[in-house]
Protein backbone atom coordinates (compact mmCIF):
# COMPACT_ATOMS: atom_id res chain seq x y z
CA MET A 1 85.03 -13.42 41.20
CA PRO A 2 87.76 -12.45 38.69
CA ARG A 3 89.18 -8.98 39.01
CA PRO A 4 88.47 -6.36 36.30
CA ALA A 5 92.21 -5.99 35.74
CA ALA A 6 92.41 -9.68 34.81
CA ILE A 7 89.48 -9.45 32.38
CA LEU A 8 90.63 -6.27 30.62
CA PRO A 9 93.38 -7.91 28.48
CA LEU A 10 90.89 -10.51 27.27
CA LEU A 11 88.39 -7.84 26.26
CA LEU A 12 91.09 -5.88 24.46
CA ALA A 13 92.08 -9.03 22.54
CA LEU A 14 88.56 -9.46 21.16
CA PRO A 15 87.64 -7.64 17.91
CA ALA A 16 85.31 -4.71 18.33
CA GLN A 17 81.67 -5.25 17.53
CA GLY A 18 81.07 -4.82 13.82
CA GLN A 19 84.81 -4.82 13.07
CA GLU A 20 85.74 -7.28 10.34
CA VAL A 21 88.67 -9.62 10.80
CA ALA A 22 91.38 -9.01 8.23
CA PRO A 23 91.40 -11.70 5.54
CA ARG A 24 94.23 -14.20 5.64
CA ASP A 25 96.36 -15.03 2.61
CA LEU A 26 95.82 -18.55 1.32
CA THR A 27 97.79 -20.16 -1.49
CA LEU A 28 96.77 -23.36 -3.19
CA PRO A 29 99.60 -25.44 -1.60
CA ASP A 30 98.58 -24.14 1.84
CA ALA A 31 94.95 -25.08 1.15
CA ILE A 32 95.92 -28.61 0.10
CA ARG A 33 98.13 -29.15 3.15
CA ALA A 34 95.41 -27.78 5.44
CA ALA A 35 92.95 -30.30 3.98
CA TRP A 36 95.47 -33.11 4.47
CA SER A 37 95.96 -32.25 8.12
CA GLY A 38 92.41 -31.43 9.15
CA GLN A 39 90.03 -33.33 6.87
CA SER A 40 88.02 -35.81 8.97
CA GLY A 41 87.75 -38.37 6.18
CA LEU A 42 91.54 -38.51 5.84
CA GLN A 43 91.94 -38.81 9.60
CA ALA A 44 89.56 -41.79 9.55
CA GLY A 45 91.60 -43.29 6.70
CA GLN A 46 94.79 -42.88 8.72
CA ALA A 47 93.14 -44.71 11.61
CA LEU A 48 92.40 -47.59 9.21
CA VAL A 49 96.08 -47.65 8.21
CA GLU A 50 97.12 -47.86 11.86
CA ARG A 51 94.63 -50.66 12.49
CA ALA A 52 95.98 -52.63 9.53
CA ARG A 53 99.54 -52.19 10.80
CA PHE A 54 98.57 -53.42 14.25
CA ASP A 55 96.86 -56.45 12.68
CA ALA A 56 100.05 -57.21 10.75
CA ASP A 57 102.13 -56.88 13.92
CA ALA A 58 99.73 -59.21 15.75
CA ALA A 59 100.09 -61.81 12.99
CA ALA A 60 103.89 -61.56 13.18
CA ALA A 61 103.69 -62.19 16.93
CA LEU A 62 101.97 -65.55 16.39
CA ARG A 63 105.42 -67.13 15.94
CA ARG A 64 106.40 -66.05 19.43
CA PRO A 65 105.70 -68.07 22.59
CA THR A 66 102.46 -67.77 24.53
CA PHE A 67 102.68 -67.38 28.31
CA GLN A 68 99.96 -68.32 30.74
CA ALA A 69 99.90 -67.88 34.53
CA GLN A 70 97.15 -68.86 36.92
CA ALA A 71 96.62 -68.98 40.69
CA GLY A 72 93.70 -69.69 42.98
CA TRP A 73 92.19 -71.26 46.06
CA THR A 74 90.11 -74.45 45.91
CA ARG A 75 87.87 -76.30 48.37
CA THR A 76 86.15 -79.50 47.23
CA THR A 77 84.64 -82.82 48.37
CA GLU A 78 84.58 -84.32 44.87
CA PRO A 79 86.48 -87.64 45.35
CA MET A 80 88.87 -87.43 42.41
CA GLN A 81 89.62 -83.75 42.86
CA ALA A 82 90.07 -84.13 46.63
CA PHE A 83 92.59 -86.99 46.16
CA GLY A 84 94.40 -85.15 43.35
CA LEU A 85 94.58 -81.92 45.34
CA LYS A 86 96.20 -83.69 48.30
CA LEU A 87 98.55 -85.45 45.91
CA ASP A 88 99.57 -82.10 44.40
CA GLN A 89 100.17 -80.80 47.92
CA ALA A 90 102.50 -83.77 48.60
CA ARG A 91 100.56 -84.92 51.70
CA ILE A 92 99.12 -88.29 50.70
CA GLN A 93 99.27 -90.86 53.50
CA ALA A 94 98.47 -94.56 53.66
CA THR A 95 95.15 -93.83 55.37
CA ASP A 96 94.10 -91.82 52.31
CA PHE A 97 93.80 -95.10 50.40
CA ASP A 98 91.07 -96.33 52.70
CA PRO A 99 88.07 -97.03 50.40
CA ALA A 100 85.73 -95.23 52.77
CA ARG A 101 87.84 -92.07 52.69
CA LEU A 102 88.32 -92.37 48.96
CA ASN A 103 84.61 -92.68 48.35
CA ARG A 104 83.53 -90.00 50.81
CA PRO A 105 86.48 -87.71 51.50
CA ASP A 106 86.42 -84.80 53.87
CA ALA A 107 86.56 -81.35 52.34
CA VAL A 108 90.02 -80.57 51.04
CA SER A 109 91.24 -77.00 50.39
CA GLY A 110 94.44 -75.45 49.26
CA LEU A 111 96.27 -72.81 47.27
CA GLY A 112 97.87 -73.43 43.92
CA GLY A 113 99.40 -71.82 40.89
CA ALA A 114 100.90 -72.71 37.54
CA PHE A 115 102.91 -71.13 34.77
CA SER A 116 103.21 -72.46 31.23
CA VAL A 117 104.90 -71.56 27.97
CA GLN A 118 103.61 -72.74 24.59
CA GLN A 119 105.77 -72.39 21.49
CA PRO A 120 104.45 -73.28 18.01
CA LEU A 121 107.07 -75.18 16.02
CA TYR A 122 105.20 -75.94 12.79
CA ALA A 123 101.73 -74.97 11.61
CA GLY A 124 101.73 -76.01 7.97
CA GLY A 125 102.84 -72.56 6.82
CA ARG A 126 99.68 -70.92 8.12
CA LEU A 127 101.40 -68.53 10.51
CA ASP A 128 103.90 -67.22 7.98
CA ALA A 129 101.22 -66.91 5.31
CA ALA A 130 98.95 -65.01 7.70
CA ARG A 131 101.79 -62.66 8.59
CA ARG A 132 102.62 -61.98 4.94
CA GLY A 133 98.96 -61.59 4.03
CA LEU A 134 98.19 -59.05 6.75
CA SER A 135 101.41 -57.19 6.00
CA ALA A 136 100.30 -56.91 2.37
CA MET A 137 96.87 -55.67 3.48
CA ALA A 138 98.57 -53.03 5.65
CA ASP A 139 100.59 -51.90 2.63
CA ALA A 140 97.37 -51.83 0.58
CA GLU A 141 95.61 -49.66 3.18
CA SER A 142 98.58 -47.32 3.29
CA SER A 143 98.46 -46.99 -0.51
CA ARG A 144 94.72 -46.38 -0.35
CA GLN A 145 95.35 -43.57 2.11
CA ARG A 146 97.89 -41.96 -0.21
CA HIS A 147 95.35 -42.13 -3.04
CA ARG A 148 92.66 -40.63 -0.80
CA ARG A 149 95.01 -37.74 -0.04
CA GLN A 150 95.50 -37.12 -3.75
CA GLN A 151 91.75 -37.24 -4.32
CA VAL A 152 91.26 -34.64 -1.58
CA ALA A 153 93.97 -32.50 -3.18
CA ALA A 154 92.17 -32.66 -6.53
CA ALA A 155 88.93 -31.66 -4.80
CA VAL A 156 90.71 -28.71 -3.15
CA VAL A 157 92.01 -27.59 -6.55
CA GLN A 158 88.49 -27.58 -7.93
CA ALA A 159 87.08 -25.74 -4.90
CA TYR A 160 89.95 -23.24 -4.75
CA PHE A 161 89.80 -22.23 -8.39
CA GLY A 162 86.01 -22.53 -8.34
CA ALA A 163 86.00 -19.81 -5.69
CA GLN A 164 88.34 -17.70 -7.85
CA ALA A 165 86.14 -18.21 -10.90
CA ALA A 166 83.13 -17.16 -8.82
CA GLU A 167 84.95 -13.98 -7.78
CA GLY A 168 85.77 -13.35 -11.42
CA GLY A 169 82.07 -13.76 -12.14
CA ILE A 170 81.33 -11.07 -9.56
CA ALA A 171 83.77 -8.69 -11.24
CA ALA A 172 82.25 -9.35 -14.66
CA ALA A 173 78.72 -8.92 -13.30
CA GLU A 174 79.67 -5.66 -11.60
CA GLU A 175 81.14 -4.31 -14.84
CA THR A 176 78.01 -5.33 -16.75
CA ARG A 177 75.83 -3.69 -14.10
CA LYS A 178 77.93 -0.52 -14.18
CA SER A 179 77.71 -0.34 -17.97
CA ALA A 180 73.94 -0.97 -17.81
CA ALA A 181 73.49 1.81 -15.22
CA ALA A 182 75.46 4.26 -17.36
CA THR A 183 73.44 3.38 -20.44
CA GLU A 184 70.20 3.69 -18.43
CA ALA A 185 71.20 7.16 -17.29
CA PHE A 186 72.01 8.11 -20.89
CA VAL A 187 68.66 6.79 -22.16
CA ALA A 188 66.79 8.54 -19.33
CA ALA A 189 68.41 11.84 -20.28
CA ARG A 190 67.45 11.36 -23.92
CA VAL A 191 63.90 10.52 -22.94
CA GLU A 192 63.67 13.77 -20.93
CA GLN A 193 64.91 15.60 -24.01
CA GLY A 194 62.25 13.90 -26.10
CA LEU A 195 64.83 12.20 -28.28
CA MET A 196 63.89 8.64 -27.24
CA LEU A 197 60.72 6.80 -26.43
CA ARG A 198 59.90 5.85 -22.86
CA SER A 199 59.65 2.23 -23.97
CA GLU A 200 63.41 2.36 -24.59
CA LEU A 201 63.92 3.49 -20.99
CA ALA A 202 61.67 0.67 -19.73
CA ARG A 203 63.63 -1.83 -21.79
CA MET A 204 66.89 -0.48 -20.38
CA LYS A 205 65.59 -0.63 -16.82
CA ALA A 206 64.67 -4.26 -17.36
CA PHE A 207 68.16 -5.00 -18.64
CA ARG A 208 69.71 -3.23 -15.64
CA ALA A 209 67.45 -5.26 -13.31
CA GLN A 210 68.69 -8.42 -14.99
CA ALA A 211 72.25 -7.22 -14.38
CA ASP A 212 71.40 -6.68 -10.69
CA ALA A 213 70.01 -10.20 -10.48
CA ALA A 214 73.08 -11.62 -12.21
CA LEU A 215 75.33 -9.80 -9.73
CA ALA A 216 73.36 -11.17 -6.77
CA GLU A 217 73.60 -14.69 -8.20
CA ALA A 218 77.35 -14.30 -8.75
CA ARG A 219 77.80 -13.24 -5.13
CA ARG A 220 75.76 -16.22 -3.97
CA GLN A 221 77.89 -18.59 -6.03
CA ALA A 222 81.05 -17.03 -4.59
CA ARG A 223 79.80 -17.54 -1.03
CA SER A 224 78.91 -21.14 -1.83
CA ALA A 225 82.31 -21.80 -3.44
CA ARG A 226 84.16 -20.32 -0.46
CA ALA A 227 82.06 -22.41 1.92
CA ALA A 228 82.97 -25.54 -0.03
CA LEU A 229 86.66 -24.64 0.15
CA ALA A 230 86.39 -23.91 3.87
CA LEU A 231 84.69 -27.26 4.41
CA LEU A 232 87.56 -29.09 2.70
CA THR A 233 90.40 -27.20 4.34
CA GLY A 234 88.92 -26.38 7.73
CA GLU A 235 90.04 -22.78 7.16
CA PRO A 236 87.68 -19.84 7.81
CA GLY A 237 86.04 -18.39 4.74
CA ASN A 238 87.66 -14.95 5.17
CA PHE A 239 90.81 -15.38 3.07
CA ARG A 240 92.51 -14.01 -0.01
CA LEU A 241 93.22 -16.52 -2.78
CA LEU A 242 96.73 -15.79 -4.00
CA THR A 243 97.35 -18.58 -6.52
CA PRO A 244 96.13 -17.21 -9.89
CA LEU A 245 93.48 -19.03 -11.85
CA ASP A 246 95.02 -18.02 -15.18
CA ALA A 247 98.21 -20.12 -14.97
CA PRO A 248 100.75 -20.54 -17.78
CA ASP A 249 99.78 -23.07 -20.39
CA ALA A 250 100.97 -26.63 -19.85
CA ALA A 251 101.15 -29.21 -22.58
CA PRO A 252 98.99 -32.28 -22.12
CA PRO A 253 100.86 -35.39 -20.93
CA GLY A 254 102.38 -37.41 -23.74
CA THR A 255 102.14 -40.78 -22.02
CA THR A 256 99.23 -43.15 -21.66
CA GLU A 257 100.68 -45.01 -18.68
CA PRO A 258 99.19 -44.34 -15.25
CA GLY A 259 102.58 -44.41 -13.50
CA ARG A 260 102.88 -45.15 -9.78
CA ARG A 261 99.28 -44.61 -8.83
CA ALA A 262 98.65 -45.40 -5.21
CA ASP A 263 95.30 -47.09 -5.86
CA LEU A 264 96.93 -49.46 -8.38
CA GLU A 265 99.60 -50.32 -5.81
CA ALA A 266 96.84 -51.00 -3.31
CA ALA A 267 95.12 -53.38 -5.75
CA ARG A 268 98.38 -55.26 -6.30
CA PHE A 269 98.95 -55.53 -2.55
CA GLU A 270 95.41 -56.84 -2.10
CA ALA A 271 96.04 -59.49 -4.76
CA ARG A 272 99.22 -60.51 -2.93
CA ALA A 273 97.32 -60.70 0.36
CA ALA A 274 94.65 -62.89 -1.26
CA GLY A 275 97.37 -65.26 -2.48
CA GLU A 276 98.81 -65.53 1.03
CA ASN A 277 95.32 -66.18 2.42
CA ALA A 278 94.99 -69.07 -0.04
CA LYS A 279 98.28 -70.50 1.22
CA ALA A 280 97.10 -70.15 4.81
CA ALA A 281 93.86 -71.94 3.94
CA ALA A 282 95.79 -74.82 2.36
CA GLY A 283 97.95 -75.10 5.50
CA VAL A 284 94.90 -76.28 7.45
CA LEU A 285 95.34 -79.73 5.89
CA ARG A 286 98.82 -80.05 7.44
CA PRO A 287 99.54 -81.03 11.06
CA GLU A 288 100.52 -78.67 13.86
CA VAL A 289 103.55 -79.27 16.06
CA GLY A 290 104.12 -77.42 19.32
CA LEU A 291 106.26 -77.34 22.47
CA ASN A 292 104.73 -76.94 25.94
CA LEU A 293 106.64 -76.21 29.17
CA ALA A 294 104.80 -75.89 32.48
CA TRP A 295 105.52 -75.50 36.20
CA GLY A 296 102.99 -75.75 39.02
CA ALA A 297 102.78 -75.75 42.81
CA ALA A 298 100.11 -76.44 45.43
CA ARG A 299 99.95 -76.28 49.22
CA GLU A 300 97.32 -76.58 51.90
CA ARG A 301 97.93 -73.11 53.33
CA LEU A 302 100.04 -70.14 52.40
CA THR A 303 102.76 -70.74 55.00
CA GLY A 304 102.70 -74.53 54.95
CA ALA A 305 104.67 -77.07 52.98
CA GLY A 306 103.46 -78.26 49.61
CA GLY A 307 104.38 -79.87 46.35
CA SER A 308 105.51 -78.69 42.93
CA TRP A 309 105.96 -80.25 39.51
CA THR A 310 107.20 -79.53 35.98
CA THR A 311 106.01 -80.67 32.57
CA ALA A 312 107.71 -80.65 29.17
CA SER A 313 106.02 -82.00 26.08
CA VAL A 314 106.24 -81.92 22.30
CA GLY A 315 103.13 -82.94 20.43
CA ALA A 316 101.52 -82.95 17.01
CA LYS A 317 97.87 -82.41 16.14
CA TRP A 318 96.04 -82.95 12.88
CA THR A 319 92.41 -82.10 12.24
CA PHE A 320 90.37 -82.70 9.10
CA SER A 321 86.95 -81.43 8.17
CA PHE A 322 85.13 -82.05 4.91
CA SER A 323 84.41 -78.31 4.74
CA GLU A 324 88.08 -77.38 4.54
CA PRO A 325 88.61 -78.27 0.83
CA LYS A 326 85.70 -75.99 -0.08
CA ARG A 327 87.18 -73.18 1.98
CA ILE A 328 90.48 -73.64 0.18
CA GLN A 329 88.69 -73.41 -3.16
CA ALA A 330 86.94 -70.26 -1.97
CA ALA A 331 90.30 -68.73 -0.99
CA HIS A 332 91.73 -69.49 -4.44
CA ALA A 333 88.65 -67.94 -6.05
CA ALA A 334 89.18 -64.81 -3.95
CA GLU A 335 92.80 -64.76 -5.12
CA ARG A 336 91.74 -64.88 -8.78
CA ALA A 337 89.16 -62.16 -8.17
CA ALA A 338 91.79 -59.89 -6.60
CA GLU A 339 94.22 -60.46 -9.48
CA LEU A 340 91.53 -59.72 -12.08
CA ASN A 341 90.45 -56.62 -10.15
CA ALA A 342 94.03 -55.33 -10.15
CA ARG A 343 94.21 -55.93 -13.90
CA TRP A 344 90.90 -54.15 -14.46
CA GLN A 345 91.95 -51.15 -12.36
CA SER A 346 95.16 -50.90 -14.38
CA GLU A 347 93.17 -50.81 -17.62
CA GLN A 348 90.79 -48.24 -16.14
CA ALA A 349 93.75 -46.13 -15.07
CA ARG A 350 95.06 -46.02 -18.65
CA HIS A 351 91.62 -44.87 -19.74
CA ASP A 352 91.68 -42.15 -17.06
CA VAL A 353 95.03 -40.89 -18.36
CA ASP A 354 93.69 -40.68 -21.93
CA GLU A 355 90.53 -38.92 -20.77
CA ALA A 356 92.50 -36.40 -18.71
CA ALA A 357 94.76 -35.61 -21.67
CA SER A 358 91.72 -35.12 -23.92
CA SER A 359 90.09 -32.87 -21.31
CA ILE A 360 93.20 -30.67 -21.11
CA THR A 361 93.34 -30.31 -24.89
CA ALA A 362 89.63 -29.52 -25.13
CA ALA A 363 89.82 -26.99 -22.27
CA GLN A 364 92.78 -25.24 -23.90
CA GLN A 365 90.87 -24.97 -27.17
CA ARG A 366 87.77 -23.64 -25.41
CA LEU A 367 89.87 -21.13 -23.50
CA ALA A 368 91.50 -19.86 -26.69
CA ALA A 369 88.10 -19.52 -28.33
CA ALA A 370 86.65 -17.79 -25.26
CA GLN A 371 89.52 -15.29 -25.10
CA GLU A 372 88.98 -14.40 -28.75
CA ALA A 373 85.26 -14.11 -28.08
CA VAL A 374 85.86 -11.76 -25.13
CA GLY A 375 88.09 -9.51 -27.22
CA ALA A 376 85.68 -9.44 -30.14
CA SER A 377 82.67 -8.91 -27.86
CA GLU A 378 84.31 -6.02 -26.02
CA GLU A 379 85.16 -4.34 -29.32
CA ALA A 380 81.64 -4.90 -30.66
CA ARG A 381 80.07 -3.59 -27.45
CA ASN A 382 82.20 -0.45 -27.43
CA LEU A 383 81.47 0.20 -31.08
CA ARG A 384 77.73 -0.29 -30.70
CA GLN A 385 77.70 1.80 -27.55
CA ALA A 386 79.34 4.68 -29.36
CA ARG A 387 76.99 4.39 -32.34
CA HIS A 388 73.98 4.15 -30.00
CA ARG A 389 74.99 7.37 -28.27
CA GLU A 390 75.16 9.03 -31.68
CA GLY A 391 71.65 7.80 -32.45
CA LEU A 392 72.83 5.53 -35.26
CA LEU A 393 71.93 2.18 -33.64
CA PRO A 394 68.82 0.91 -31.84
CA LEU A 395 69.00 0.00 -28.16
CA THR A 396 68.28 -3.65 -28.84
CA ASP A 397 71.55 -4.02 -30.77
CA LEU A 398 73.48 -2.55 -27.83
CA LEU A 399 71.78 -4.87 -25.38
CA ASP A 400 72.58 -7.84 -27.60
CA ALA A 401 76.24 -6.81 -27.55
CA GLU A 402 76.18 -6.48 -23.75
CA ALA A 403 74.65 -9.96 -23.42
CA ALA A 404 77.19 -11.43 -25.84
CA LEU A 405 80.07 -9.91 -23.86
CA GLN A 406 78.64 -11.22 -20.59
CA GLY A 407 78.36 -14.72 -22.08
CA ALA A 408 81.91 -14.61 -23.46
CA ARG A 409 83.33 -13.62 -20.08
CA ALA A 410 81.43 -16.43 -18.38
CA LEU A 411 82.71 -18.86 -21.00
CA ARG A 412 86.29 -17.73 -20.40
CA LEU A 413 86.01 -18.23 -16.63
CA ALA A 414 84.45 -21.66 -17.12
CA ALA A 415 87.23 -22.65 -19.54
CA LEU A 416 89.93 -21.50 -17.10
CA LEU A 417 88.35 -23.49 -14.28
CA GLU A 418 87.96 -26.53 -16.53
CA LEU A 419 91.61 -26.34 -17.56
CA ARG A 420 92.94 -26.20 -13.99
CA THR A 421 90.61 -29.01 -12.93
CA ALA A 422 91.63 -31.12 -15.93
CA ARG A 423 95.30 -30.67 -15.03
CA ALA A 424 94.61 -31.82 -11.48
CA GLN A 425 92.75 -34.86 -12.81
CA SER A 426 95.69 -35.60 -15.11
CA ASP A 427 98.07 -35.50 -12.14
CA LEU A 428 95.72 -37.79 -10.23
CA ALA A 429 95.43 -40.22 -13.15
CA GLN A 430 99.20 -40.48 -13.56
CA GLY A 431 100.03 -40.68 -9.86
CA ARG A 432 101.84 -37.34 -9.81
CA PRO A 433 101.59 -34.78 -6.96
CA ILE A 434 98.55 -32.59 -7.54
CA GLU A 435 99.79 -29.16 -8.73
CA GLY A 436 103.26 -30.31 -7.62
CA VAL A 437 102.27 -30.18 -3.93
CA THR A 438 103.97 -32.73 -1.67
CA GLU A 439 104.21 -33.05 2.09
């Protein structure tokens, strides 16, 4: 049983019951790098890259010699094998040619082993084409992985600033609720003084209840946004988001070219691999030439005498099947499909760049309009609130101003989030580092 003195440091290291762990600072670059290192989908993608590299290495090794070694013990009464086994053991005698012994030999046993080396000399270009094709596929998978990393980074940007926007929504809802509570207290006092109808107080209580519900919904959205960010990054949800949502304005990109997008590079590599596969398929119609070197030995028992032999041969082999021309045509069709797919992805990428630029421009315009709306709504609310307290304005006009201000603040937060997300999508469309974050 462990001693109490050994357990005490562990108990002291644990947080006290009910004590909250201090939140950890988290910047956007840290969140992106955490997602890159711990996201399971990216880890699976990296495993695919490694598999493709190993396949390419295996194809490159096809040009190297193949070694084969074998050893064993044999006992047989089959006439041809029995005669051959004794011949390999170098113990054939004149009596072994007796027809009776040849037809019905006694059981013959022995030990033997062999070692051979096979070296391909020419394979119609199939080996080199296979090596180049699998190497291109490995490059394509590596490019796909880089694009997946950028997609995850864009998702982190949306989740990170989505959580900030949700927290901004909480602040706006709390301010609305505070203003509603103050107005409710003012109306209640006037009702007690007989200066207002109780229906006004009921209407104000309903508005304050709506503010309470809006605050609860904002807190729920914030928890959900933080959970989404934690899921992407693998970080605990108790953190402070330090990168501001309201970043300096950035002009939309002035180019319509997608740049060095990793997914476009992957499509080009796949087209190259398909072309090499077509060359490998055509090489089936050419002969194969190979070199074979072998050494073998056999003896009756482990310590006895025996025989050995060597073999060296160079041979050619040619095989034809009526199905091969169709397979070659299929390989060329796959090559055309890969080339057309790469062309289509390039056109789609240009469209993505244009759409991202339009989204940035639209988000900037909406943000400017929302900021003006917030300023105007705050001024209108303050003015109506003052006039309502003087008894010069009905309560419904004040509540309309409160609702308009709440809507303007929500519109501003949504426009800020849309702008940051649009910038991340623009970086993704043009193959740039998301928010400038690299390794």
